[in-house]
Amino acid sequence: MSLNKELLEILACPKCRQPVEPVDNERGLKCAQCKVVYPVRDEIPVMLVEEAVPAELWEQGQRSVK
């Protein structure tokens, strides 16, 4: 899986507007400010606050908030 570099340059956290960075082999995009990870599903970043997973839970293997 490879996210488009140009897309990564313009994506920002929808909550705080800070840049996000790929984590977990590009399976998520992490906001260091909010300490959350937005999942990437089928190579599409899901940049919804409701879908954000706390970074601590993401690192433990939880990939969704449901």
PDB file of N, CA and C in Angstrom:
ATOM      1  N   MET A   1       0.857  -1.173   0.000  1.00  0.00           N
ATOM      2  CA  MET A   1       0.000   0.000   0.000  1.00  0.00           C
ATOM      3  C   MET A   1       0.899   1.231   0.000  1.00  0.00           C
ATOM      4  N   SER A   2       0.546   2.181  -0.800  1.00  0.00           N
ATOM      5  CA  SER A   2       1.336   3.398  -0.854  1.00  0.00           C
ATOM      6  C   SER A   2       0.414   4.591  -1.069  1.00  0.00           C
ATOM      7  N   LEU A   3       0.397   5.455  -0.089  1.00  0.00           N
ATOM      8  CA  LEU A   3      -0.415   6.659  -0.204  1.00  0.00           C
ATOM      9  C   LEU A   3       0.317   7.686  -1.058  1.00  0.00           C
ATOM     10  N   ASN A   4      -0.412   8.417  -1.824  1.00  0.00           N
ATOM     11  CA  ASN A   4       0.128   9.448  -2.686  1.00  0.00           C
ATOM     12  C   ASN A   4       0.838  10.511  -1.845  1.00  0.00           C
ATOM     13  N   LYS A   5       2.095  10.798  -2.183  1.00  0.00           N
ATOM     14  CA  LYS A   5       2.881  11.771  -1.412  1.00  0.00           C
ATOM     15  C   LYS A   5       2.264  13.163  -1.442  1.00  0.00           C
ATOM     16  N   GLU A   6       1.711  13.547  -2.579  1.00  0.00           N
ATOM     17  CA  GLU A   6       1.072  14.866  -2.671  1.00  0.00           C
ATOM     18  C   GLU A   6      -0.150  14.949  -1.763  1.00  0.00           C
ATOM     19  N   LEU A   7      -0.889  13.856  -1.680  1.00  0.00           N
ATOM     20  CA  LEU A   7      -2.048  13.813  -0.793  1.00  0.00           C
ATOM     21  C   LEU A   7      -1.599  13.946   0.660  1.00  0.00           C
ATOM     22  N   LEU A   8      -0.544  13.221   1.033  1.00  0.00           N
ATOM     23  CA  LEU A   8      -0.042  13.287   2.403  1.00  0.00           C
ATOM     24  C   LEU A   8       0.395  14.701   2.785  1.00  0.00           C
ATOM     25  N   GLU A   9       0.904  15.443   1.826  1.00  0.00           N
ATOM     26  CA  GLU A   9       1.359  16.808   2.104  1.00  0.00           C
ATOM     27  C   GLU A   9       0.207  17.756   2.432  1.00  0.00           C
ATOM     28  N   ILE A  10      -0.984  17.479   1.908  1.00  0.00           N
ATOM     29  CA  ILE A  10      -2.104  18.400   2.152  1.00  0.00           C
ATOM     30  C   ILE A  10      -3.067  17.920   3.235  1.00  0.00           C
ATOM     31  N   LEU A  11      -3.001  16.636   3.591  1.00  0.00           N
ATOM     32  CA  LEU A  11      -3.908  16.135   4.628  1.00  0.00           C
ATOM     33  C   LEU A  11      -3.552  16.728   5.984  1.00  0.00           C
ATOM     34  N   ALA A  12      -4.579  17.022   6.754  1.00  0.00           N
ATOM     35  CA  ALA A  12      -4.396  17.563   8.100  1.00  0.00           C
ATOM     36  C   ALA A  12      -5.458  16.966   9.011  1.00  0.00           C
ATOM     37  N   CYS A  13      -5.160  16.967  10.282  1.00  0.00           N
ATOM     38  CA  CYS A  13      -6.118  16.494  11.278  1.00  0.00           C
ATOM     39  C   CYS A  13      -7.367  17.380  11.206  1.00  0.00           C
ATOM     40  N   PRO A  14      -8.549  16.782  11.094  1.00  0.00           N
ATOM     41  CA  PRO A  14      -9.763  17.593  11.005  1.00  0.00           C
ATOM     42  C   PRO A  14     -10.111  18.321  12.309  1.00  0.00           C
ATOM     43  N   LYS A  15      -9.527  17.869  13.401  1.00  0.00           N
ATOM     44  CA  LYS A  15      -9.831  18.493  14.689  1.00  0.00           C
ATOM     45  C   LYS A  15      -8.941  19.710  14.968  1.00  0.00           C
ATOM     46  N   CYS A  16      -7.622  19.551  14.767  1.00  0.00           N
ATOM     47  CA  CYS A  16      -6.702  20.636  15.133  1.00  0.00           C
ATOM     48  C   CYS A  16      -5.981  21.260  13.934  1.00  0.00           C
ATOM     49  N   ARG A  17      -6.156  20.682  12.765  1.00  0.00           N
ATOM     50  CA  ARG A  17      -5.567  21.175  11.510  1.00  0.00           C
ATOM     51  C   ARG A  17      -4.046  21.018  11.426  1.00  0.00           C
ATOM     52  N   GLN A  18      -3.466  20.197  12.294  1.00  0.00           N
ATOM     53  CA  GLN A  18      -2.032  19.924  12.229  1.00  0.00           C
ATOM     54  C   GLN A  18      -1.767  18.811  11.208  1.00  0.00           C
ATOM     55  N   PRO A  19      -0.536  18.743  10.678  1.00  0.00           N
ATOM     56  CA  PRO A  19      -0.213  17.678   9.719  1.00  0.00           C
ATOM     57  C   PRO A  19      -0.330  16.294  10.358  1.00  0.00           C
ATOM     58  N   VAL A  20      -0.586  15.302   9.525  1.00  0.00           N
ATOM     59  CA  VAL A  20      -0.626  13.909   9.973  1.00  0.00           C
ATOM     60  C   VAL A  20       0.510  13.161   9.300  1.00  0.00           C
ATOM     61  N   GLU A  21       0.941  12.070   9.932  1.00  0.00           N
ATOM     62  CA  GLU A  21       2.031  11.276   9.363  1.00  0.00           C
ATOM     63  C   GLU A  21       1.636   9.804   9.322  1.00  0.00           C
ATOM     64  N   PRO A  22       2.089   9.092   8.300  1.00  0.00           N
ATOM     65  CA  PRO A  22       1.739   7.674   8.178  1.00  0.00           C
ATOM     66  C   PRO A  22       2.352   6.854   9.314  1.00  0.00           C
ATOM     67  N   VAL A  23       1.587   5.881   9.791  1.00  0.00           N
ATOM     68  CA  VAL A  23       2.065   4.938  10.804  1.00  0.00           C
ATOM     69  C   VAL A  23       1.607   3.535  10.424  1.00  0.00           C
ATOM     70  N   ASP A  24       2.231   2.541  11.038  1.00  0.00           N
ATOM     71  CA  ASP A  24       1.812   1.145  10.878  1.00  0.00           C
ATOM     72  C   ASP A  24       1.746   0.752   9.398  1.00  0.00           C
ATOM     73  N   ASN A  25       2.862   0.998   8.687  1.00  0.00           N
ATOM     74  CA  ASN A  25       2.938   0.640   7.266  1.00  0.00           C
ATOM     75  C   ASN A  25       1.814   1.284   6.455  1.00  0.00           C
ATOM     76  N   GLU A  26       1.524   2.540   6.768  1.00  0.00           N
ATOM     77  CA  GLU A  26       0.499   3.345   6.091  1.00  0.00           C
ATOM     78  C   GLU A  26      -0.929   2.823   6.289  1.00  0.00           C
ATOM     79  N   ARG A  27      -1.154   2.109   7.380  1.00  0.00           N
ATOM     80  CA  ARG A  27      -2.523   1.670   7.704  1.00  0.00           C
ATOM     81  C   ARG A  27      -3.267   2.732   8.500  1.00  0.00           C
ATOM     82  N   GLY A  28      -2.546   3.774   8.894  1.00  0.00           N
ATOM     83  CA  GLY A  28      -3.155   4.860   9.643  1.00  0.00           C
ATOM     84  C   GLY A  28      -2.377   6.144   9.460  1.00  0.00           C
ATOM     85  N   LEU A  29      -3.012   7.252   9.810  1.00  0.00           N
ATOM     86  CA  LEU A  29      -2.377   8.567   9.769  1.00  0.00           C
ATOM     87  C   LEU A  29      -2.488   9.175  11.160  1.00  0.00           C
ATOM     88  N   LYS A  30      -1.357   9.458  11.762  1.00  0.00           N
ATOM     89  CA  LYS A  30      -1.323   9.910  13.151  1.00  0.00           C
ATOM     90  C   LYS A  30      -1.192  11.421  13.256  1.00  0.00           C
ATOM     91  N   CYS A  31      -1.994  11.975  14.163  1.00  0.00           N
ATOM     92  CA  CYS A  31      -1.868  13.379  14.539  1.00  0.00           C
ATOM     93  C   CYS A  31      -1.138  13.407  15.883  1.00  0.00           C
ATOM     94  N   ALA A  32       0.077  13.935  15.877  1.00  0.00           N
ATOM     95  CA  ALA A  32       0.865  13.989  17.107  1.00  0.00           C
ATOM     96  C   ALA A  32       0.248  14.944  18.128  1.00  0.00           C
ATOM     97  N   GLN A  33      -0.390  16.001  17.661  1.00  0.00           N
ATOM     98  CA  GLN A  33      -1.009  16.991  18.545  1.00  0.00           C
ATOM     99  C   GLN A  33      -2.179  16.378  19.333  1.00  0.00           C
ATOM    100  N   CYS A  34      -3.083  15.712  18.638  1.00  0.00           N
ATOM    101  CA  CYS A  34      -4.282  15.139  19.269  1.00  0.00           C
ATOM    102  C   CYS A  34      -4.050  13.732  19.814  1.00  0.00           C
ATOM    103  N   LYS A  35      -2.935  13.120  19.422  1.00  0.00           N
ATOM    104  CA  LYS A  35      -2.600  11.758  19.843  1.00  0.00           C
ATOM    105  C   LYS A  35      -3.670  10.753  19.414  1.00  0.00           C
ATOM    106  N   VAL A  36      -4.074  10.874  18.137  1.00  0.00           N
ATOM    107  CA  VAL A  36      -5.031   9.936  17.555  1.00  0.00           C
ATOM    108  C   VAL A  36      -4.509   9.468  16.198  1.00  0.00           C
ATOM    109  N   VAL A  37      -5.066   8.338  15.751  1.00  0.00           N
ATOM    110  CA  VAL A  37      -4.726   7.797  14.438  1.00  0.00           C
ATOM    111  C   VAL A  37      -6.008   7.670  13.633  1.00  0.00           C
ATOM    112  N   TYR A  38      -5.964   8.178  12.421  1.00  0.00           N
ATOM    113  CA  TYR A  38      -7.087   8.044  11.492  1.00  0.00           C
ATOM    114  C   TYR A  38      -6.809   6.832  10.612  1.00  0.00           C
ATOM    115  N   PRO A  39      -7.741   5.892  10.528  1.00  0.00           N
ATOM    116  CA  PRO A  39      -7.487   4.678   9.750  1.00  0.00           C
ATOM    117  C   PRO A  39      -7.447   4.949   8.249  1.00  0.00           C
ATOM    118  N   VAL A  40      -6.725   4.093   7.551  1.00  0.00           N
ATOM    119  CA  VAL A  40      -6.709   4.099   6.087  1.00  0.00           C
ATOM    120  C   VAL A  40      -7.360   2.791   5.667  1.00  0.00           C
ATOM    121  N   ARG A  41      -8.463   2.887   4.951  1.00  0.00           N
ATOM    122  CA  ARG A  41      -9.204   1.696   4.513  1.00  0.00           C
ATOM    123  C   ARG A  41      -9.221   1.645   2.990  1.00  0.00           C
ATOM    124  N   ASP A  42      -8.781   0.537   2.439  1.00  0.00           N
ATOM    125  CA  ASP A  42      -8.717   0.382   0.978  1.00  0.00           C
ATOM    126  C   ASP A  42      -7.965   1.544   0.340  1.00  0.00           C
ATOM    127  N   GLU A  43      -6.862   1.938   0.971  1.00  0.00           N
ATOM    128  CA  GLU A  43      -5.992   3.022   0.513  1.00  0.00           C
ATOM    129  C   GLU A  43      -6.660   4.400   0.541  1.00  0.00           C
ATOM    130  N   ILE A  44      -7.752   4.521   1.302  1.00  0.00           N
ATOM    131  CA  ILE A  44      -8.463   5.799   1.428  1.00  0.00           C
ATOM    132  C   ILE A  44      -8.403   6.253   2.890  1.00  0.00           C
ATOM    133  N   PRO A  45      -7.764   7.402   3.164  1.00  0.00           N
ATOM    134  CA  PRO A  45      -7.732   7.907   4.535  1.00  0.00           C
ATOM    135  C   PRO A  45      -9.137   8.295   5.008  1.00  0.00           C
ATOM    136  N   VAL A  46      -9.503   7.820   6.182  1.00  0.00           N
ATOM    137  CA  VAL A  46     -10.807   8.146   6.768  1.00  0.00           C
ATOM    138  C   VAL A  46     -10.562   9.264   7.787  1.00  0.00           C
ATOM    139  N   MET A  47     -10.675  10.489   7.321  1.00  0.00           N
ATOM    140  CA  MET A  47     -10.336  11.654   8.130  1.00  0.00           C
ATOM    141  C   MET A  47     -11.572  12.226   8.823  1.00  0.00           C
ATOM    142  N   LEU A  48     -12.219  11.400   9.613  1.00  0.00           N
ATOM    143  CA  LEU A  48     -13.394  11.812  10.378  1.00  0.00           C
ATOM    144  C   LEU A  48     -13.060  11.733  11.861  1.00  0.00           C
ATOM    145  N   VAL A  49     -13.369  12.774  12.606  1.00  0.00           N
ATOM    146  CA  VAL A  49     -13.083  12.796  14.039  1.00  0.00           C
ATOM    147  C   VAL A  49     -13.708  11.587  14.728  1.00  0.00           C
ATOM    148  N   GLU A  50     -14.910  11.204  14.283  1.00  0.00           N
ATOM    149  CA  GLU A  50     -15.618  10.073  14.900  1.00  0.00           C
ATOM    150  C   GLU A  50     -14.897   8.740  14.679  1.00  0.00           C
ATOM    151  N   GLU A  51     -14.053   8.650  13.675  1.00  0.00           N
ATOM    152  CA  GLU A  51     -13.343   7.413  13.345  1.00  0.00           C
ATOM    153  C   GLU A  51     -11.935   7.360  13.940  1.00  0.00           C
ATOM    154  N   ALA A  52     -11.485   8.444  14.540  1.00  0.00           N
ATOM    155  CA  ALA A  52     -10.133   8.499  15.096  1.00  0.00           C
ATOM    156  C   ALA A  52      -9.993   7.527  16.263  1.00  0.00           C
ATOM    157  N   VAL A  53      -8.864   6.838  16.287  1.00  0.00           N
ATOM    158  CA  VAL A  53      -8.558   5.884  17.356  1.00  0.00           C
ATOM    159  C   VAL A  53      -7.444   6.497  18.206  1.00  0.00           C
ATOM    160  N   PRO A  54      -7.597   6.520  19.528  1.00  0.00           N
ATOM    161  CA  PRO A  54      -6.502   7.019  20.356  1.00  0.00           C
ATOM    162  C   PRO A  54      -5.204   6.275  20.016  1.00  0.00           C
ATOM    163  N   ALA A  55      -4.110   7.016  19.875  1.00  0.00           N
ATOM    164  CA  ALA A  55      -2.835   6.426  19.460  1.00  0.00           C
ATOM    165  C   ALA A  55      -2.424   5.272  20.366  1.00  0.00           C
ATOM    166  N   GLU A  56      -2.680   5.395  21.643  1.00  0.00           N
ATOM    167  CA  GLU A  56      -2.320   4.337  22.590  1.00  0.00           C
ATOM    168  C   GLU A  56      -3.050   3.034  22.261  1.00  0.00           C
ATOM    169  N   LEU A  57      -4.339   3.127  21.940  1.00  0.00           N
ATOM    170  CA  LEU A  57      -5.104   1.930  21.576  1.00  0.00           C
ATOM    171  C   LEU A  57      -4.656   1.383  20.225  1.00  0.00           C
ATOM    172  N   TRP A  58      -4.348   2.276  19.290  1.00  0.00           N
ATOM    173  CA  TRP A  58      -3.866   1.847  17.965  1.00  0.00           C
ATOM    174  C   TRP A  58      -2.599   1.005  18.121  1.00  0.00           C
ATOM    175  N   GLU A  59      -1.686   1.482  18.962  1.00  0.00           N
ATOM    176  CA  GLU A  59      -0.424   0.777  19.179  1.00  0.00           C
ATOM    177  C   GLU A  59      -0.637  -0.578  19.837  1.00  0.00           C
ATOM    178  N   GLN A  60      -1.758  -0.751  20.533  1.00  0.00           N
ATOM    179  CA  GLN A  60      -2.085  -2.033  21.156  1.00  0.00           C
ATOM    180  C   GLN A  60      -2.821  -2.960  20.195  1.00  0.00           C
ATOM    181  N   GLY A  61      -3.079  -2.489  18.979  1.00  0.00           N
ATOM    182  CA  GLY A  61      -3.710  -3.334  17.973  1.00  0.00           C
ATOM    183  C   GLY A  61      -5.159  -3.027  17.676  1.00  0.00           C
ATOM    184  N   GLN A  62      -5.762  -2.096  18.400  1.00  0.00           N
ATOM    185  CA  GLN A  62      -7.159  -1.733  18.133  1.00  0.00           C
ATOM    186  C   GLN A  62      -7.193  -0.773  16.955  1.00  0.00           C
ATOM    187  N   ARG A  63      -7.887  -1.160  15.882  1.00  0.00           N
ATOM    188  CA  ARG A  63      -7.871  -0.378  14.653  1.00  0.00           C
ATOM    189  C   ARG A  63      -9.162   0.376  14.381  1.00  0.00           C
ATOM    190  N   SER A  64     -10.125   0.293  15.289  1.00  0.00           N
ATOM    191  CA  SER A  64     -11.356   1.067  15.116  1.00  0.00           C
ATOM    192  C   SER A  64     -11.917   1.412  16.484  1.00  0.00           C
ATOM    193  N   VAL A  65     -12.813   2.383  16.499  1.00  0.00           N
ATOM    194  CA  VAL A  65     -13.415   2.819  17.754  1.00  0.00           C
ATOM    195  C   VAL A  65     -14.677   2.037  18.067  1.00  0.00           C
ATOM    196  N   LYS A  66     -15.085   1.177  17.172  1.00  0.00           N
ATOM    197  CA  LYS A  66     -16.320   0.406  17.346  1.00  0.00           C
ATOM    198  C   LYS A  66     -16.067  -0.876  18.082  1.00  0.00           C
TER     199      LYS A  66
END
